[in-house]
């Protein structure tokens, strides 16, 4: 897809975030756009930062989830990858010129004011709070993309219901192919995206 339809997704990739990542990706696809995410292709020989810069440059839109930047237990450190990638995206918009001046982004958080202690430069920025609730992820992403892209999109409740139907259909299809529940929970992002795109093409 073209620059105008690409949505760069900057988020954690650990399993606890998957319940939020799945509906986020599904909502983008449901709305006819293309999620671009670092895990969309797996190549150990490819420098990760080079891939991220490429994806950012190819995407007019970006969604940056900062809900997991804070350490949660003793010994952990702040997770700075997400703020770092947000900075690259903003820098691309400000300094690259051309079509990149049209770039727009959504910042998602889990608690509205917690992130400001770590990134005070964002204190005057508009952010969306999904409260770490999957259904609220759909609401925030749908509302932002619909208004920003002028989509006139279906309501968030319909998208959420469709996501849950997809999850059931995909589970049945994968178990029929010999996948265990654990296999399905850990399904690689490229395969998940392919399944979502096929389902939306057939059902929406």
C-alpha atoms as a PDB file:
ATOM      1  CA  UNK A   1       0.000   0.000   0.000  1.00  0.00           C
ATOM      2  CA  UNK A   2       0.993   3.620  -0.441  1.00  0.00           C
ATOM      3  CA  UNK A   3       2.359   6.168   2.022  1.00  0.00           C
ATOM      4  CA  UNK A   4      -1.170   7.560   2.485  1.00  0.00           C
ATOM      5  CA  UNK A   5      -2.525   4.200   3.693  1.00  0.00           C
ATOM      6  CA  UNK A   6       0.325   3.017   5.913  1.00  0.00           C
ATOM      7  CA  UNK A   7       0.029   3.210   9.708  1.00  0.00           C
ATOM      8  CA  UNK A   8       3.254   2.652  11.651  1.00  0.00           C
ATOM      9  CA  UNK A   9       2.612   0.880  14.964  1.00  0.00           C
ATOM     10  CA  UNK A  10       5.107   1.494  17.763  1.00  0.00           C
ATOM     11  CA  UNK A  11       4.362  -0.667  20.788  1.00  0.00           C
ATOM     12  CA  UNK A  12       5.764  -3.333  23.125  1.00  0.00           C
ATOM     13  CA  UNK A  13       6.081  -6.845  21.737  1.00  0.00           C
ATOM     14  CA  UNK A  14       5.871  -8.837  24.962  1.00  0.00           C
ATOM     15  CA  UNK A  15       3.028 -11.314  25.476  1.00  0.00           C
ATOM     16  CA  UNK A  16       1.202  -9.262  28.160  1.00  0.00           C
ATOM     17  CA  UNK A  17       0.614  -6.563  25.521  1.00  0.00           C
ATOM     18  CA  UNK A  18      -0.865  -8.948  22.932  1.00  0.00           C
ATOM     19  CA  UNK A  19      -4.474  -8.524  24.182  1.00  0.00           C
ATOM     20  CA  UNK A  20      -4.122  -4.833  23.253  1.00  0.00           C
ATOM     21  CA  UNK A  21      -2.046  -5.307  20.101  1.00  0.00           C
ATOM     22  CA  UNK A  22      -4.478  -7.682  18.387  1.00  0.00           C
ATOM     23  CA  UNK A  23      -7.506  -5.326  18.427  1.00  0.00           C
ATOM     24  CA  UNK A  24      -5.248  -2.398  17.533  1.00  0.00           C
ATOM     25  CA  UNK A  25      -4.020  -4.141  14.379  1.00  0.00           C
ATOM     26  CA  UNK A  26      -7.498  -5.420  13.535  1.00  0.00           C
ATOM     27  CA  UNK A  27      -9.016  -1.937  13.754  1.00  0.00           C
ATOM     28  CA  UNK A  28      -6.451  -0.530  11.328  1.00  0.00           C
ATOM     29  CA  UNK A  29      -7.139  -3.321   8.839  1.00  0.00           C
ATOM     30  CA  UNK A  30     -10.929  -3.073   9.287  1.00  0.00           C
ATOM     31  CA  UNK A  31     -10.720   0.598   8.314  1.00  0.00           C
ATOM     32  CA  UNK A  32      -8.964  -0.243   5.051  1.00  0.00           C
ATOM     33  CA  UNK A  33      -5.490   0.850   6.103  1.00  0.00           C
ATOM     34  CA  UNK A  34      -2.207  -1.053   6.357  1.00  0.00           C
ATOM     35  CA  UNK A  35      -0.476  -1.566   9.723  1.00  0.00           C
ATOM     36  CA  UNK A  36       3.308  -1.407   9.484  1.00  0.00           C
ATOM     37  CA  UNK A  37       5.096  -2.918  12.446  1.00  0.00           C
ATOM     38  CA  UNK A  38       8.675  -3.996  13.108  1.00  0.00           C
ATOM     39  CA  UNK A  39       7.623  -7.626  13.538  1.00  0.00           C
ATOM     40  CA  UNK A  40       5.822  -7.730  10.168  1.00  0.00           C
ATOM     41  CA  UNK A  41       8.910  -9.466   8.814  1.00  0.00           C
ATOM     42  CA  UNK A  42      11.505 -11.527  10.645  1.00  0.00           C
ATOM     43  CA  UNK A  43      15.094 -11.292   9.415  1.00  0.00           C
ATOM     44  CA  UNK A  44      17.845 -11.650  11.994  1.00  0.00           C
ATOM     45  CA  UNK A  45      20.307 -10.190   9.503  1.00  0.00           C
ATOM     46  CA  UNK A  46      18.397  -6.908   9.233  1.00  0.00           C
ATOM     47  CA  UNK A  47      19.345  -4.080  11.586  1.00  0.00           C
ATOM     48  CA  UNK A  48      16.261  -3.281  13.660  1.00  0.00           C
ATOM     49  CA  UNK A  49      16.775   0.480  13.717  1.00  0.00           C
ATOM     50  CA  UNK A  50      17.141   0.559   9.918  1.00  0.00           C
ATOM     51  CA  UNK A  51      13.864  -1.329   9.564  1.00  0.00           C
ATOM     52  CA  UNK A  52      12.083   1.025  11.964  1.00  0.00           C
ATOM     53  CA  UNK A  53      13.326   4.120  10.126  1.00  0.00           C
ATOM     54  CA  UNK A  54      12.184   2.597   6.828  1.00  0.00           C
ATOM     55  CA  UNK A  55       8.697   1.851   8.192  1.00  0.00           C
ATOM     56  CA  UNK A  56       8.360   5.346   9.650  1.00  0.00           C
ATOM     57  CA  UNK A  57       9.386   6.966   6.373  1.00  0.00           C
ATOM     58  CA  UNK A  58       6.868   4.842   4.461  1.00  0.00           C
ATOM     59  CA  UNK A  59       3.928   5.687   6.772  1.00  0.00           C
ATOM     60  CA  UNK A  60       1.801   8.831   6.775  1.00  0.00           C
ATOM     61  CA  UNK A  61       0.210   7.808  10.071  1.00  0.00           C
ATOM     62  CA  UNK A  62       1.669   6.410  13.267  1.00  0.00           C
ATOM     63  CA  UNK A  63       0.311   5.059  16.529  1.00  0.00           C
ATOM     64  CA  UNK A  64       2.706   5.168  19.471  1.00  0.00           C
ATOM     65  CA  UNK A  65       1.693   3.219  22.571  1.00  0.00           C
ATOM     66  CA  UNK A  66       3.584   4.442  25.640  1.00  0.00           C
ATOM     67  CA  UNK A  67       1.584   2.447  28.177  1.00  0.00           C
ATOM     68  CA  UNK A  68       4.464   0.111  29.049  1.00  0.00           C
ATOM     69  CA  UNK A  69       7.434   2.459  29.407  1.00  0.00           C
ATOM     70  CA  UNK A  70       7.474   2.388  33.208  1.00  0.00           C
ATOM     71  CA  UNK A  71       9.318  -0.339  35.113  1.00  0.00           C
ATOM     72  CA  UNK A  72       6.862  -2.576  36.957  1.00  0.00           C
ATOM     73  CA  UNK A  73       9.125  -4.394  39.390  1.00  0.00           C
ATOM     74  CA  UNK A  74      12.427  -4.002  41.182  1.00  0.00           C
ATOM     75  CA  UNK A  75      15.408  -4.340  38.901  1.00  0.00           C
ATOM     76  CA  UNK A  76      13.579  -3.321  35.731  1.00  0.00           C
ATOM     77  CA  UNK A  77      14.505  -0.174  33.855  1.00  0.00           C
ATOM     78  CA  UNK A  78      12.380   2.267  31.892  1.00  0.00           C
ATOM     79  CA  UNK A  79      11.552   0.905  28.440  1.00  0.00           C
ATOM     80  CA  UNK A  80      12.760   3.632  26.124  1.00  0.00           C
ATOM     81  CA  UNK A  81      12.297   2.020  22.705  1.00  0.00           C
ATOM     82  CA  UNK A  82       8.790   3.406  22.298  1.00  0.00           C
ATOM     83  CA  UNK A  83       9.660   7.042  23.176  1.00  0.00           C
ATOM     84  CA  UNK A  84      12.760   6.742  20.977  1.00  0.00           C
ATOM     85  CA  UNK A  85      10.690   5.646  17.974  1.00  0.00           C
ATOM     86  CA  UNK A  86       8.176   8.416  18.664  1.00  0.00           C
ATOM     87  CA  UNK A  87      11.086  10.863  18.475  1.00  0.00           C
ATOM     88  CA  UNK A  88      12.209   9.445  15.131  1.00  0.00           C
ATOM     89  CA  UNK A  89       8.667   9.802  13.789  1.00  0.00           C
ATOM     90  CA  UNK A  90       8.341  13.415  14.939  1.00  0.00           C
ATOM     91  CA  UNK A  91      11.802  14.181  13.544  1.00  0.00           C
ATOM     92  CA  UNK A  92      10.834  12.705  10.181  1.00  0.00           C
ATOM     93  CA  UNK A  93       7.762  14.926  10.080  1.00  0.00           C
ATOM     94  CA  UNK A  94       9.704  18.065  10.997  1.00  0.00           C
ATOM     95  CA  UNK A  95      12.928  17.644   9.061  1.00  0.00           C
ATOM     96  CA  UNK A  96      12.523  15.307   6.080  1.00  0.00           C
ATOM     97  CA  UNK A  97      10.236  17.574   4.089  1.00  0.00           C
ATOM     98  CA  UNK A  98       7.981  16.782   1.169  1.00  0.00           C
ATOM     99  CA  UNK A  99       5.071  14.433   1.823  1.00  0.00           C
ATOM    100  CA  UNK A 100       6.472  13.701   5.283  1.00  0.00           C
ATOM    101  CA  UNK A 101       5.265  17.112   6.471  1.00  0.00           C
ATOM    102  CA  UNK A 102       1.755  15.597   6.270  1.00  0.00           C
ATOM    103  CA  UNK A 103       2.590  12.880   8.817  1.00  0.00           C
ATOM    104  CA  UNK A 104       0.261  12.563  11.808  1.00  0.00           C
ATOM    105  CA  UNK A 105       0.463  10.481  14.942  1.00  0.00           C
ATOM    106  CA  UNK A 106      -1.623   9.247  17.847  1.00  0.00           C
ATOM    107  CA  UNK A 107      -0.068   8.723  21.276  1.00  0.00           C
ATOM    108  CA  UNK A 108      -1.732   6.074  23.434  1.00  0.00           C
ATOM    109  CA  UNK A 109      -1.239   5.714  27.180  1.00  0.00           C
ATOM    110  CA  UNK A 110      -2.627   3.434  29.858  1.00  0.00           C
ATOM    111  CA  UNK A 111      -2.822   6.107  32.560  1.00  0.00           C
ATOM    112  CA  UNK A 112      -3.307   9.679  31.457  1.00  0.00           C
ATOM    113  CA  UNK A 113      -0.671  11.500  33.515  1.00  0.00           C
ATOM    114  CA  UNK A 114       1.868   8.809  34.421  1.00  0.00           C
ATOM    115  CA  UNK A 115       3.898   9.198  31.220  1.00  0.00           C
ATOM    116  CA  UNK A 116       4.534  12.913  31.839  1.00  0.00           C
ATOM    117  CA  UNK A 117       6.992  12.181  34.640  1.00  0.00           C
ATOM    118  CA  UNK A 118       9.224  10.398  32.131  1.00  0.00           C
ATOM    119  CA  UNK A 119       8.584  12.541  29.021  1.00  0.00           C
ATOM    120  CA  UNK A 120       7.751  16.050  30.173  1.00  0.00           C
ATOM    121  CA  UNK A 121       8.050  17.417  26.617  1.00  0.00           C
ATOM    122  CA  UNK A 122       4.688  15.769  25.913  1.00  0.00           C
ATOM    123  CA  UNK A 123       2.892  17.562  28.745  1.00  0.00           C
ATOM    124  CA  UNK A 124       1.005  19.812  26.307  1.00  0.00           C
ATOM    125  CA  UNK A 125       0.330  17.116  23.715  1.00  0.00           C
ATOM    126  CA  UNK A 126      -3.017  15.444  23.148  1.00  0.00           C
ATOM    127  CA  UNK A 127      -2.916  11.786  24.118  1.00  0.00           C
ATOM    128  CA  UNK A 128      -5.554   9.049  24.161  1.00  0.00           C
ATOM    129  CA  UNK A 129      -5.998   6.903  27.254  1.00  0.00           C
ATOM    130  CA  UNK A 130      -7.056   3.299  26.597  1.00  0.00           C
ATOM    131  CA  UNK A 131      -6.771   2.380  30.309  1.00  0.00           C
ATOM    132  CA  UNK A 132      -5.192  -0.945  29.250  1.00  0.00           C
ATOM    133  CA  UNK A 133      -8.650  -2.141  28.139  1.00  0.00           C
ATOM    134  CA  UNK A 134      -8.724  -3.868  24.722  1.00  0.00           C
ATOM    135  CA  UNK A 135     -12.160  -2.507  23.794  1.00  0.00           C
ATOM    136  CA  UNK A 136     -10.980   1.023  24.577  1.00  0.00           C
ATOM    137  CA  UNK A 137      -8.029   0.514  22.222  1.00  0.00           C
ATOM    138  CA  UNK A 138     -10.557  -0.042  19.431  1.00  0.00           C
ATOM    139  CA  UNK A 139     -12.458   3.102  20.438  1.00  0.00           C
ATOM    140  CA  UNK A 140      -9.392   5.351  20.521  1.00  0.00           C
ATOM    141  CA  UNK A 141      -7.808   4.010  17.328  1.00  0.00           C
ATOM    142  CA  UNK A 142     -11.101   4.015  15.400  1.00  0.00           C
ATOM    143  CA  UNK A 143     -11.976   7.558  16.487  1.00  0.00           C
ATOM    144  CA  UNK A 144      -8.558   8.957  15.623  1.00  0.00           C
ATOM    145  CA  UNK A 145      -8.231   7.266  12.242  1.00  0.00           C
ATOM    146  CA  UNK A 146     -11.810   8.031  11.241  1.00  0.00           C
ATOM    147  CA  UNK A 147     -11.454  11.744  11.974  1.00  0.00           C
ATOM    148  CA  UNK A 148      -7.850  12.116  10.809  1.00  0.00           C
ATOM    149  CA  UNK A 149      -8.349  10.223   7.544  1.00  0.00           C
ATOM    150  CA  UNK A 150     -11.946  11.350   6.943  1.00  0.00           C
ATOM    151  CA  UNK A 151     -13.175   7.768   6.757  1.00  0.00           C
ATOM    152  CA  UNK A 152     -16.731   7.960   8.076  1.00  0.00           C
ATOM    153  CA  UNK A 153     -15.982   4.611   9.697  1.00  0.00           C
ATOM    154  CA  UNK A 154     -18.316   2.094  11.315  1.00  0.00           C
ATOM    155  CA  UNK A 155     -18.808   2.491  15.047  1.00  0.00           C
ATOM    156  CA  UNK A 156     -16.288   1.165  17.541  1.00  0.00           C
ATOM    157  CA  UNK A 157     -18.810  -1.326  18.950  1.00  0.00           C
ATOM    158  CA  UNK A 158     -19.297  -2.916  15.526  1.00  0.00           C
ATOM    159  CA  UNK A 159     -15.532  -3.132  15.003  1.00  0.00           C
ATOM    160  CA  UNK A 160     -15.075  -4.671  18.458  1.00  0.00           C
ATOM    161  CA  UNK A 161     -17.789  -7.240  17.769  1.00  0.00           C
ATOM    162  CA  UNK A 162     -16.186  -8.062  14.413  1.00  0.00           C
ATOM    163  CA  UNK A 163     -12.820  -8.489  16.104  1.00  0.00           C
ATOM    164  CA  UNK A 164     -14.262 -11.016  18.519  1.00  0.00           C
ATOM    165  CA  UNK A 165     -15.926 -12.936  15.697  1.00  0.00           C
ATOM    166  CA  UNK A 166     -12.590 -12.957  13.867  1.00  0.00           C
ATOM    167  CA  UNK A 167     -10.799 -14.281  16.947  1.00  0.00           C
ATOM    168  CA  UNK A 168     -13.284 -17.145  17.216  1.00  0.00           C
ATOM    169  CA  UNK A 169     -13.132 -17.968  13.514  1.00  0.00           C
ATOM    170  CA  UNK A 170      -9.343 -17.796  13.489  1.00  0.00           C
ATOM    171  CA  UNK A 171      -9.102 -20.026  16.564  1.00  0.00           C
ATOM    172  CA  UNK A 172     -11.299 -22.648  14.913  1.00  0.00           C
ATOM    173  CA  UNK A 173      -9.339 -22.490  11.662  1.00  0.00           C
ATOM    174  CA  UNK A 174      -5.988 -22.814  13.401  1.00  0.00           C
ATOM    175  CA  UNK A 175      -6.999 -25.633  15.747  1.00  0.00           C
ATOM    176  CA  UNK A 176      -8.263 -27.529  12.696  1.00  0.00           C
ATOM    177  CA  UNK A 177      -4.733 -27.217  11.319  1.00  0.00           C
ATOM    178  CA  UNK A 178      -3.144 -28.659  14.457  1.00  0.00           C
ATOM    179  CA  UNK A 179      -2.345 -25.479  16.384  1.00  0.00           C
ATOM    180  CA  UNK A 180      -2.530 -25.687  20.177  1.00  0.00           C
ATOM    181  CA  UNK A 181      -4.007 -22.891  22.293  1.00  0.00           C
ATOM    182  CA  UNK A 182      -0.465 -21.884  23.199  1.00  0.00           C
ATOM    183  CA  UNK A 183       0.533 -21.867  19.524  1.00  0.00           C
ATOM    184  CA  UNK A 184      -2.357 -19.542  18.745  1.00  0.00           C
ATOM    185  CA  UNK A 185      -1.504 -17.184  21.602  1.00  0.00           C
ATOM    186  CA  UNK A 186       2.040 -16.920  20.227  1.00  0.00           C
ATOM    187  CA  UNK A 187       1.095 -16.723  16.548  1.00  0.00           C
ATOM    188  CA  UNK A 188       3.736 -14.654  14.715  1.00  0.00           C
ATOM    189  CA  UNK A 189       2.573 -11.188  13.713  1.00  0.00           C
ATOM    190  CA  UNK A 190       2.984 -11.793   9.945  1.00  0.00           C
ATOM    191  CA  UNK A 191       0.593 -14.759  10.131  1.00  0.00           C
ATOM    192  CA  UNK A 192      -1.828 -12.841  12.348  1.00  0.00           C
ATOM    193  CA  UNK A 193      -1.892  -9.924   9.905  1.00  0.00           C
ATOM    194  CA  UNK A 194      -2.484 -12.254   6.977  1.00  0.00           C
ATOM    195  CA  UNK A 195      -5.400 -13.909   8.791  1.00  0.00           C
ATOM    196  CA  UNK A 196      -6.926 -10.552   9.711  1.00  0.00           C
ATOM    197  CA  UNK A 197      -6.637  -9.210   6.177  1.00  0.00           C
ATOM    198  CA  UNK A 198      -8.227 -12.331   4.683  1.00  0.00           C
ATOM    199  CA  UNK A 199     -11.075 -12.307   7.203  1.00  0.00           C
ATOM    200  CA  UNK A 200     -11.830  -8.609   6.689  1.00  0.00           C
ATOM    201  CA  UNK A 201     -11.782  -9.052   2.904  1.00  0.00           C
ATOM    202  CA  UNK A 202     -14.341 -11.844   3.193  1.00  0.00           C
ATOM    203  CA  UNK A 203     -16.571 -10.483   5.957  1.00  0.00           C
ATOM    204  CA  UNK A 204     -16.567  -6.674   5.995  1.00  0.00           C
END
